[in-house]
Protein backbone atom coordinates (compact mmCIF):
# COMPACT_ATOMS: atom_id res chain seq x y z
CA MET A 1 0.00 0.00 0.00
CA GLU A 2 1.31 3.43 -0.97
CA ILE A 3 0.11 6.71 0.58
CA TYR A 4 0.15 10.02 -1.29
CA GLN A 5 -1.06 13.48 -0.36
CA THR A 6 -3.13 15.46 -2.83
CA GLY A 7 -2.51 19.07 -3.78
CA LEU A 8 -4.82 21.83 -2.60
CA ASP A 9 -6.83 21.37 -5.79
CA GLY A 10 -7.29 17.65 -5.09
CA SER A 11 -4.90 16.49 -7.79
CA PHE A 12 -2.42 13.68 -7.26
CA ARG A 13 0.29 11.85 -9.19
CA MET A 14 1.76 8.47 -8.27
CA GLU A 15 4.95 7.38 -10.00
CA HIS A 16 6.72 4.02 -10.38
CA VAL A 17 3.55 2.07 -9.65
CA PRO A 18 3.87 -1.65 -10.54
CA SER A 19 1.32 -2.96 -13.02
CA GLY A 20 -1.82 -4.41 -11.54
CA ASP A 21 -5.34 -3.64 -10.36
CA TYR A 22 -5.71 -1.25 -7.41
CA TYR A 23 -8.38 0.14 -5.12
CA VAL A 24 -8.10 3.88 -4.60
CA VAL A 25 -8.87 4.90 -1.01
CA VAL A 26 -9.30 8.58 -0.17
CA THR A 27 -8.80 9.60 3.44
CA ARG A 28 -10.39 12.82 4.62
CA PRO A 29 -11.95 13.65 8.03
CA GLY A 30 -15.72 13.34 7.95
CA TYR A 31 -15.82 11.04 4.92
CA PRO A 32 -16.58 7.29 5.10
CA ARG A 33 -13.84 4.80 4.32
CA VAL A 34 -15.29 1.43 3.38
CA ILE A 35 -12.01 -0.44 3.73
CA GLU A 36 -11.66 0.45 7.44
CA GLN A 37 -14.77 -1.53 8.30
CA PHE A 38 -12.81 -4.76 7.84
CA THR A 39 -9.91 -6.47 9.58
CA ALA A 40 -6.69 -7.47 7.83
CA ALA A 41 -7.81 -11.12 7.93
CA GLU A 42 -11.15 -10.24 6.33
CA LEU A 43 -9.40 -8.30 3.58
CA ALA A 44 -6.98 -11.17 2.95
CA LYS A 45 -9.85 -13.63 2.48
CA PRO A 46 -13.02 -11.59 1.88
CA THR A 47 -16.42 -13.26 2.00
CA PRO A 48 -18.78 -12.65 -0.93
CA ASP A 49 -20.57 -9.98 1.13
CA ILE A 50 -17.29 -8.20 2.00
CA GLN A 51 -16.12 -8.44 -1.61
CA LYS A 52 -19.40 -6.86 -2.73
CA GLN A 53 -18.76 -3.90 -0.43
CA LEU A 54 -15.13 -3.59 -1.54
CA ASP A 55 -16.24 -3.48 -5.15
CA THR A 56 -18.08 -0.23 -4.43
CA MET A 57 -14.67 1.48 -4.04
CA PRO A 58 -13.02 3.10 -7.09
CA ARG A 59 -10.51 0.89 -8.90
CA VAL A 60 -7.81 1.56 -11.43
CA THR A 61 -5.77 -0.73 -13.69
CA VAL A 62 -2.09 0.12 -14.19
CA ARG A 63 -0.15 -1.26 -17.17
CA THR A 64 3.63 -1.13 -17.71
CA GLY A 65 4.71 1.85 -19.79
CA ALA A 66 1.29 3.52 -19.70
CA THR A 67 -0.28 6.27 -17.63
CA ALA A 68 -3.56 5.47 -15.91
CA SER A 69 -5.98 8.23 -14.94
CA ILE A 70 -8.82 8.17 -12.44
CA ASP A 71 -11.05 10.80 -10.86
CA VAL A 72 -12.48 9.95 -7.47
CA THR A 73 -15.62 11.55 -6.10
CA ILE A 74 -16.10 11.39 -2.35
CA VAL A 75 -19.32 12.03 -0.46
CA ARG A 76 -19.31 13.46 3.02
CA GLY A 77 -20.45 10.99 5.63
CA ALA A 78 -23.30 11.38 8.07
CA SER A 79 -22.80 12.26 11.72
CA ILE A 80 -24.50 11.78 15.06
CA GLU A 81 -24.34 14.44 17.76
CA GLY A 82 -25.74 14.64 21.23
CA HIS A 83 -25.06 14.77 24.95
CA VAL A 84 -24.92 12.21 27.73
CA ARG A 85 -26.50 13.55 30.89
CA PHE A 86 -27.92 12.33 34.15
CA GLU A 87 -31.63 12.88 34.78
CA ASP A 88 -30.91 15.97 36.90
CA GLY A 89 -29.21 17.60 33.88
CA GLU A 90 -25.64 17.07 35.07
CA PRO A 91 -23.36 16.15 32.12
CA TYR A 92 -21.43 12.88 32.04
CA PRO A 93 -17.88 13.82 30.90
CA GLU A 94 -15.45 11.29 29.42
CA ALA A 95 -18.23 8.73 29.05
CA CYS A 96 -17.28 5.67 27.00
CA LEU A 97 -19.49 5.40 23.91
CA THR A 98 -20.08 2.47 21.59
CA LEU A 99 -21.53 2.84 18.09
CA GLN A 100 -23.29 -0.08 16.40
CA TYR A 101 -24.86 -0.42 12.96
CA ARG A 102 -27.46 -2.82 11.62
CA ASN A 103 -25.77 -5.21 9.19
CA ALA A 104 -27.20 -7.03 6.18
CA ASP A 105 -28.53 -9.77 8.50
CA ARG A 106 -30.41 -7.16 10.56
CA GLN A 107 -28.08 -7.76 13.51
CA TRP A 108 -26.30 -5.04 15.48
CA GLU A 109 -22.55 -4.93 14.95
CA SER A 110 -19.86 -2.58 16.29
CA VAL A 111 -18.66 0.13 13.89
CA ARG A 112 -14.94 0.04 13.15
CA GLY A 113 -12.56 2.72 11.93
CA PRO A 114 -10.39 5.49 13.41
CA ALA A 115 -12.94 8.20 12.51
CA VAL A 116 -15.20 6.73 15.17
CA ILE A 117 -12.51 5.67 17.64
CA ASP A 118 -11.00 9.18 17.71
CA CYS A 119 -14.24 10.76 18.93
CA LYS A 120 -15.99 8.13 21.01
CA ALA A 121 -15.65 9.79 24.42
CA THR A 122 -17.80 12.69 25.58
CA ASP A 123 -16.19 16.04 26.34
CA ASP A 124 -16.36 17.97 29.61
CA ASN A 125 -19.98 18.95 28.85
CA GLY A 126 -21.02 15.39 28.02
CA ALA A 127 -21.17 16.15 24.29
CA PHE A 128 -20.25 13.66 21.57
CA HIS A 129 -19.81 13.85 17.79
CA LEU A 130 -19.58 10.64 15.76
CA TYR A 131 -18.77 11.40 12.14
CA GLY A 132 -17.79 9.97 8.78
CA LEU A 133 -20.62 7.42 8.79
CA PRO A 134 -22.16 5.70 5.77
CA ALA A 135 -25.95 5.76 5.42
CA GLY A 136 -27.70 3.17 7.58
CA GLU A 137 -29.23 2.47 10.99
CA TYR A 138 -27.19 3.07 14.13
CA LEU A 139 -27.35 2.76 17.89
CA VAL A 140 -25.29 4.78 20.36
CA SER A 141 -24.73 3.29 23.80
CA VAL A 142 -22.93 4.51 26.89
CA ASP A 143 -21.33 2.29 29.52
CA LEU A 144 -21.68 2.79 33.25
CA SER A 145 -19.14 0.77 35.18
CA THR A 146 -17.41 0.51 38.51
CA VAL A 147 -13.88 -0.80 38.97
CA LYS A 148 -11.47 -1.21 41.82
CA ARG A 149 -8.15 0.49 41.11
CA PHE A 150 -4.94 -0.33 42.95
CA GLN A 151 -1.50 1.28 43.20
CA ASP A 152 1.25 -0.47 45.12
CA GLN A 153 3.34 2.72 45.45
CA LEU A 154 1.57 6.01 46.08
CA THR A 155 4.54 8.39 45.88
CA GLY A 156 7.62 8.79 43.72
CA GLY A 157 5.92 8.00 40.41
CA GLY A 158 6.89 4.32 40.51
CA GLY A 159 5.19 1.07 41.25
CA ASN A 160 2.47 -0.88 39.53
CA SER A 161 -1.19 -0.06 39.05
CA TRP A 162 -4.09 -2.27 37.98
CA SER A 163 -7.85 -2.41 38.09
CA GLN A 164 -10.53 -5.03 38.55
CA PHE A 165 -13.95 -4.89 36.92
CA MET A 166 -16.77 -4.94 39.47
CA SER A 167 -20.07 -3.91 37.83
CA ARG A 168 -21.39 -2.53 34.53
CA ILE A 169 -24.47 -1.70 32.44
CA SER A 170 -25.04 -0.20 28.97
CA LEU A 171 -27.69 2.42 28.12
CA TYR A 172 -28.81 2.73 24.49
CA SER A 173 -30.32 5.38 22.24
CA GLY A 174 -33.84 5.97 23.57
CA ASN A 175 -32.61 6.02 27.21
CA THR A 176 -33.07 2.31 27.83
CA PRO A 177 -30.76 -0.44 29.11
CA HIS A 178 -32.74 -3.00 27.06
CA LEU A 179 -31.33 -3.47 23.57
CA SER A 180 -34.69 -4.64 22.20
CA ALA A 181 -36.27 -1.34 23.32
CA ALA A 182 -33.49 0.87 21.90
CA LYS A 183 -34.40 3.56 19.35
CA PRO A 184 -32.36 3.22 16.12
CA ILE A 185 -30.98 6.35 14.44
CA LYS A 186 -31.57 6.22 10.66
CA LEU A 187 -29.06 8.17 8.59
CA VAL A 188 -28.92 9.05 4.91
CA GLY A 189 -25.77 10.17 3.13
CA GLY A 190 -24.27 13.33 4.63
CA GLU A 191 -27.07 13.79 7.18
CA GLN A 192 -26.23 15.46 10.48
CA ALA A 193 -28.42 13.90 13.17
CA GLY A 194 -28.29 16.21 16.19
CA GLY A 195 -30.05 16.02 19.51
CA GLN A 196 -29.37 12.31 19.99
CA ASP A 197 -29.08 12.68 23.75
CA ILE A 198 -28.86 9.83 26.21
CA VAL A 199 -30.30 10.54 29.67
CA ILE A 200 -29.16 8.21 32.45
CA PRO A 201 -32.13 7.50 34.78
CA LEU A 202 -30.23 6.90 38.01
CA SER A 203 -33.47 6.91 40.03
CA LYS A 204 -34.53 3.76 38.16
CA LEU A 205 -31.19 1.99 38.48
CA HIS A 206 -30.69 0.18 41.75
CA THR A 207 -27.98 -1.43 43.84
CA ILE A 208 -28.19 -5.18 44.39
CA GLU A 209 -25.86 -6.60 47.03
CA GLY A 210 -25.47 -10.21 48.04
CA ALA A 211 -23.42 -13.37 47.93
CA VAL A 212 -23.24 -16.58 45.95
CA VAL A 213 -23.32 -19.45 48.43
CA ASP A 214 -22.81 -23.20 48.52
CA GLU A 215 -26.33 -24.64 48.62
CA ARG A 216 -25.29 -27.37 51.08
CA THR A 217 -23.06 -25.49 53.52
CA GLY A 218 -24.16 -21.87 53.09
CA GLN A 219 -20.52 -20.83 52.62
CA ALA A 220 -20.12 -17.73 50.42
CA LEU A 221 -17.91 -18.30 47.37
CA ASN A 222 -15.01 -16.04 46.47
CA ALA A 223 -15.09 -16.18 42.66
CA GLY A 224 -17.59 -16.00 39.82
CA TYR A 225 -19.90 -13.56 38.03
CA VAL A 226 -23.50 -12.48 38.48
CA GLU A 227 -25.44 -11.26 35.44
CA LEU A 228 -28.92 -9.81 35.55
CA LEU A 229 -30.94 -10.91 32.50
CA TYR A 230 -34.25 -9.65 31.18
CA ALA A 231 -36.79 -12.40 31.76
CA ASP A 232 -38.39 -12.06 28.31
CA ASP A 233 -35.37 -12.48 26.02
CA HIS A 234 -32.47 -13.29 28.40
CA ALA A 235 -30.50 -10.26 27.20
CA VAL A 236 -27.89 -9.12 29.73
CA ALA A 237 -29.07 -6.05 31.65
CA ALA A 238 -26.18 -5.64 34.11
CA ALA A 239 -23.29 -7.65 35.49
CA ALA A 240 -20.93 -7.82 38.45
CA ALA A 241 -17.99 -9.87 39.63
CA ILE A 242 -17.68 -11.48 43.04
CA ASP A 243 -15.15 -9.59 45.16
CA PRO A 244 -12.75 -12.27 46.48
CA GLU A 245 -11.95 -10.16 49.55
CA THR A 246 -15.52 -9.71 50.78
CA ARG A 247 -17.01 -12.83 49.11
CA SER A 248 -19.88 -10.66 47.90
CA PHE A 249 -21.09 -8.99 44.71
CA THR A 250 -22.59 -5.57 44.10
CA VAL A 251 -24.58 -4.74 40.97
CA ASN A 252 -24.62 -0.95 40.99
CA PHE A 253 -26.94 -0.32 38.05
CA ALA A 254 -29.73 -2.89 38.15
CA PRO A 255 -32.80 -1.84 36.08
CA GLU A 256 -36.32 -2.25 37.41
CA GLY A 257 -38.56 -5.13 36.41
CA ASN A 258 -38.66 -8.91 36.20
CA LEU A 259 -35.13 -10.23 35.80
CA LEU A 260 -33.13 -13.41 36.15
CA ALA A 261 -29.95 -13.53 38.22
CA ARG A 262 -27.54 -15.80 36.35
CA VAL A 263 -24.49 -17.05 38.23
CA SER A 264 -21.69 -18.06 35.88
CA HIS A 265 -18.32 -19.69 36.62
CA PRO A 266 -18.94 -19.94 40.37
CA HIS A 267 -16.03 -21.50 42.22
CA GLU A 268 -13.83 -21.40 45.29
CA GLY A 269 -10.26 -20.49 44.46
CA VAL A 270 -6.89 -19.85 46.06
CA PRO A 271 -4.33 -17.17 45.11
CA GLY A 272 -1.96 -17.70 42.21
CA THR A 273 1.80 -17.43 42.40
CA SER A 274 2.85 -15.01 39.61
CA GLU A 275 4.68 -11.76 40.44
CA HIS A 276 1.61 -9.69 39.59
CA ASP A 277 -0.50 -11.81 41.91
CA LYS A 278 1.98 -11.34 44.77
CA ASN A 279 1.81 -7.56 44.41
CA SER A 280 -1.99 -7.40 44.22
CA PRO A 281 -4.10 -6.85 47.35
CA LEU A 282 -6.78 -8.96 45.62
CA PRO A 283 -5.84 -12.58 44.99
CA ASN A 284 -5.91 -13.82 41.42
CA LEU A 285 -7.79 -17.03 42.07
CA ASP A 286 -6.25 -19.08 39.30
CA THR A 287 -6.27 -22.34 41.28
CA VAL A 288 -9.79 -23.76 41.58
CA VAL A 289 -10.42 -25.94 44.62
CA ARG A 290 -14.18 -26.40 44.15
CA SER A 291 -16.38 -25.80 41.11
CA TYR A 292 -20.12 -25.18 41.11
CA ASP A 293 -22.84 -25.43 38.51
CA PRO A 294 -24.20 -22.21 37.02
CA ALA A 295 -27.68 -21.20 38.08
CA GLU A 296 -30.53 -18.84 37.14
CA ILE A 297 -32.76 -17.41 39.88
CA PRO A 298 -35.85 -15.22 39.22
CA LEU A 299 -35.49 -11.72 40.65
CA GLU A 300 -38.00 -8.86 40.79
CA VAL A 301 -36.33 -5.47 41.16
CA HIS A 302 -38.25 -2.39 42.37
CA GLY A 303 -35.57 -0.77 44.51
CA ASP A 304 -32.23 -1.36 46.22
CA MET A 305 -31.70 -4.87 47.59
CA SER A 306 -29.16 -6.13 50.12
CA GLY A 307 -28.43 -9.47 51.76
CA LEU A 308 -29.45 -11.42 48.65
CA THR A 309 -28.17 -14.99 48.56
CA LEU A 310 -27.89 -16.98 45.34
CA ALA A 311 -27.40 -20.67 46.07
CA VAL A 312 -25.46 -22.95 43.71
CA LYS A 313 -24.73 -26.67 43.78
CA GLU A 314 -21.23 -28.08 43.91
CA ARG A 315 -20.33 -29.72 40.64
CA VAL A 316 -20.20 -33.47 40.85
CA LYS A 317 -16.83 -34.84 39.82
CA ARG A 318 -17.16 -37.38 37.10
CA THR A 319 -15.28 -40.63 37.48
CA LYS A 320 -13.92 -42.56 34.56
């Protein structure tokens, strides 16, 4: 691949180009670039659908001893603008945004490309601007998450730092945590869709605290994950990890309604032995001493809940 810069009038000249067939890709802020929607592996072995999309790009054939000419017309992409705020009007700065588009199979898929990656966090006023988008249907979502962060040396600028995921939820266009209830944003070429705000309804998101316990002994486990699923379609509403120190979990953003609490990978573990594990105040429980079966427990959420116990059965060891 060769990269050339055009003149101010848009003209370009490429010399010493080997003979062959080439795609011509024009890079300009705010303009879609089809090729960036695919990975290197997909480009190396494109499926018929990917090849169909690649064939929409301008192509030129170069022959030895001849000059090939091509004019390329580019069309400005569409954009999505809005703000992420809490329900009291307070902006959510540096919020992590995800942009998805509806593919040919009518499924939602993450948008790729640096034009989106460069602008996917809100500014200090909670504003976002996603640009250079082809026509289509899109969803914007914002993540709410809590993590534990650790630093083993507080002064002097040295030491190691790390974080552990604890709880998360995504809110979609239309101010809903339920993907099936999200409001798609339909864009035509070059359209600027403003006012696509996401309001975070904290008063309707609740804290669920509890423990995953051995059904037989009542002992709280120190490892595993708890996901809250919508009862109708089993889509994940929120999730949390078990804190190995407290042997408890906290879902900070549980939506209201009829849900299922799904316990996955429940087990009792002991600390590992790597250097990173030795430095961490939280053990990395890479040695499993007891495994348990996953479970799903109905849960009706109307407010904050504490002291919840989710019982799981110890997995029976199979003998040969």
